[in-house]
């Protein structure tokens, strides 16, 4: 699902969008890592 280049004609806007998606990806990856850790070790209740 790549956005069309015509929509992202402004390089600044494209850079901002890439940073936003990178932030979303890293945050979700971090959350999934926490959930996986909690599943592996249910005795640890802190997140």
N, C-alpha and C. Protein backbone atom coordinates (compact mmCIF):
# COMPACT_ATOMS: atom_id res chain seq x y z
N UNK A 1 0.84 -1.20 0.00
CA UNK A 1 0.00 0.00 0.00
C UNK A 1 0.88 1.25 0.00
N UNK A 2 1.48 1.52 -1.12
CA UNK A 2 2.31 2.72 -1.22
C UNK A 2 1.49 3.89 -1.73
N UNK A 3 1.64 5.06 -1.09
CA UNK A 3 0.90 6.24 -1.56
C UNK A 3 1.39 6.69 -2.92
N UNK A 4 0.50 7.31 -3.68
CA UNK A 4 0.88 7.76 -5.02
C UNK A 4 1.86 8.92 -4.93
N UNK A 5 2.80 8.95 -5.86
CA UNK A 5 3.82 10.01 -5.83
C UNK A 5 3.20 11.37 -6.10
N UNK A 6 2.09 11.41 -6.84
CA UNK A 6 1.45 12.69 -7.15
C UNK A 6 0.91 13.34 -5.88
N UNK A 7 0.46 12.50 -4.93
CA UNK A 7 -0.05 13.05 -3.68
C UNK A 7 1.09 13.61 -2.84
N UNK A 8 2.23 12.95 -2.86
CA UNK A 8 3.36 13.39 -2.05
C UNK A 8 4.37 14.13 -2.92
N UNK A 9 3.90 15.20 -3.58
CA UNK A 9 4.79 15.97 -4.44
C UNK A 9 5.78 16.76 -3.60
N UNK A 10 5.35 17.15 -2.40
CA UNK A 10 6.24 17.92 -1.53
C UNK A 10 7.15 16.96 -0.77
N UNK A 11 8.45 17.15 -0.90
CA UNK A 11 9.40 16.25 -0.24
C UNK A 11 9.31 16.38 1.28
N UNK A 12 8.99 17.59 1.76
CA UNK A 12 8.88 17.79 3.21
C UNK A 12 7.71 16.97 3.76
N UNK A 13 6.61 16.98 3.03
CA UNK A 13 5.44 16.21 3.47
C UNK A 13 5.74 14.71 3.46
N UNK A 14 6.45 14.27 2.44
CA UNK A 14 6.78 12.86 2.35
C UNK A 14 7.71 12.46 3.51
N UNK A 15 8.66 13.32 3.83
CA UNK A 15 9.58 13.02 4.93
C UNK A 15 8.82 12.93 6.25
N UNK A 16 7.87 13.85 6.44
CA UNK A 16 7.08 13.85 7.67
C UNK A 16 6.24 12.58 7.75
N UNK A 17 5.69 12.14 6.62
CA UNK A 17 4.86 10.95 6.60
C UNK A 17 5.71 9.71 6.91
N UNK A 18 6.92 9.67 6.36
CA UNK A 18 7.80 8.54 6.63
C UNK A 18 8.17 8.47 8.11
N UNK A 19 8.42 9.63 8.72
CA UNK A 19 8.74 9.65 10.15
C UNK A 19 7.54 9.19 10.97
N UNK A 20 6.34 9.60 10.55
CA UNK A 20 5.12 9.21 11.27
C UNK A 20 4.91 7.70 11.19
N UNK A 21 5.08 7.13 10.00
CA UNK A 21 4.89 5.68 9.85
C UNK A 21 5.96 4.91 10.60
N UNK A 22 7.20 5.46 10.60
CA UNK A 22 8.28 4.80 11.35
C UNK A 22 7.94 4.81 12.84
N UNK A 23 7.39 5.92 13.33
CA UNK A 23 7.01 6.01 14.74
C UNK A 23 5.91 5.00 15.07
N UNK A 24 4.92 4.89 14.20
CA UNK A 24 3.83 3.94 14.42
C UNK A 24 4.37 2.51 14.42
N UNK A 25 5.24 2.21 13.44
CA UNK A 25 5.78 0.85 13.33
C UNK A 25 6.60 0.49 14.56
N UNK A 26 7.44 1.41 15.01
CA UNK A 26 8.29 1.13 16.17
C UNK A 26 7.46 0.99 17.43
N UNK A 27 6.44 1.83 17.59
CA UNK A 27 5.62 1.76 18.80
C UNK A 27 4.82 0.46 18.84
N UNK A 28 4.26 0.06 17.70
CA UNK A 28 3.50 -1.19 17.67
C UNK A 28 4.42 -2.38 17.88
N UNK A 29 5.63 -2.30 17.31
CA UNK A 29 6.59 -3.38 17.50
C UNK A 29 6.97 -3.50 18.97
N UNK A 30 7.12 -2.35 19.64
CA UNK A 30 7.46 -2.34 21.05
C UNK A 30 6.34 -2.95 21.88
N UNK A 31 5.09 -2.60 21.53
CA UNK A 31 3.94 -3.14 22.26
C UNK A 31 3.85 -4.65 22.05
N UNK A 32 4.07 -5.11 20.83
CA UNK A 32 4.02 -6.55 20.56
C UNK A 32 5.11 -7.28 21.32
N UNK A 33 6.28 -6.66 21.45
CA UNK A 33 7.36 -7.27 22.20
C UNK A 33 6.97 -7.40 23.68
N UNK A 34 6.29 -6.37 24.20
CA UNK A 34 5.84 -6.43 25.60
C UNK A 34 4.81 -7.54 25.79
N UNK A 35 3.85 -7.63 24.85
CA UNK A 35 2.82 -8.66 24.95
C UNK A 35 3.45 -10.05 24.86
N UNK A 36 4.42 -10.21 23.98
CA UNK A 36 5.10 -11.50 23.85
C UNK A 36 5.84 -11.85 25.13
N UNK A 37 6.47 -10.84 25.74
CA UNK A 37 7.20 -11.06 26.99
C UNK A 37 6.24 -11.46 28.11
N UNK A 38 5.07 -10.81 28.13
CA UNK A 38 4.09 -11.13 29.16
C UNK A 38 3.52 -12.53 28.95
N UNK A 39 3.38 -12.94 27.70
CA UNK A 39 2.87 -14.28 27.43
C UNK A 39 3.89 -15.34 27.82
N UNK A 40 5.16 -15.05 27.56
CA UNK A 40 6.20 -16.02 27.90
C UNK A 40 6.38 -16.11 29.42
N UNK A 41 6.27 -14.97 30.11
CA UNK A 41 6.46 -14.94 31.55
C UNK A 41 5.26 -14.27 32.22
N UNK A 42 4.18 -14.99 32.44
CA UNK A 42 2.97 -14.40 33.03
C UNK A 42 3.17 -13.95 34.47
N UNK A 43 4.24 -14.41 35.12
CA UNK A 43 4.45 -14.01 36.51
C UNK A 43 4.91 -12.55 36.61
N UNK A 44 5.41 -12.01 35.48
CA UNK A 44 5.83 -10.61 35.47
C UNK A 44 4.63 -9.75 35.08
N UNK A 45 4.14 -8.94 36.00
CA UNK A 45 2.92 -8.17 35.74
C UNK A 45 3.20 -6.76 35.31
N UNK A 46 4.43 -6.30 35.45
CA UNK A 46 4.71 -4.91 35.04
C UNK A 46 4.88 -4.82 33.53
N UNK A 47 4.51 -3.67 32.99
CA UNK A 47 4.61 -3.45 31.54
C UNK A 47 5.63 -2.35 31.28
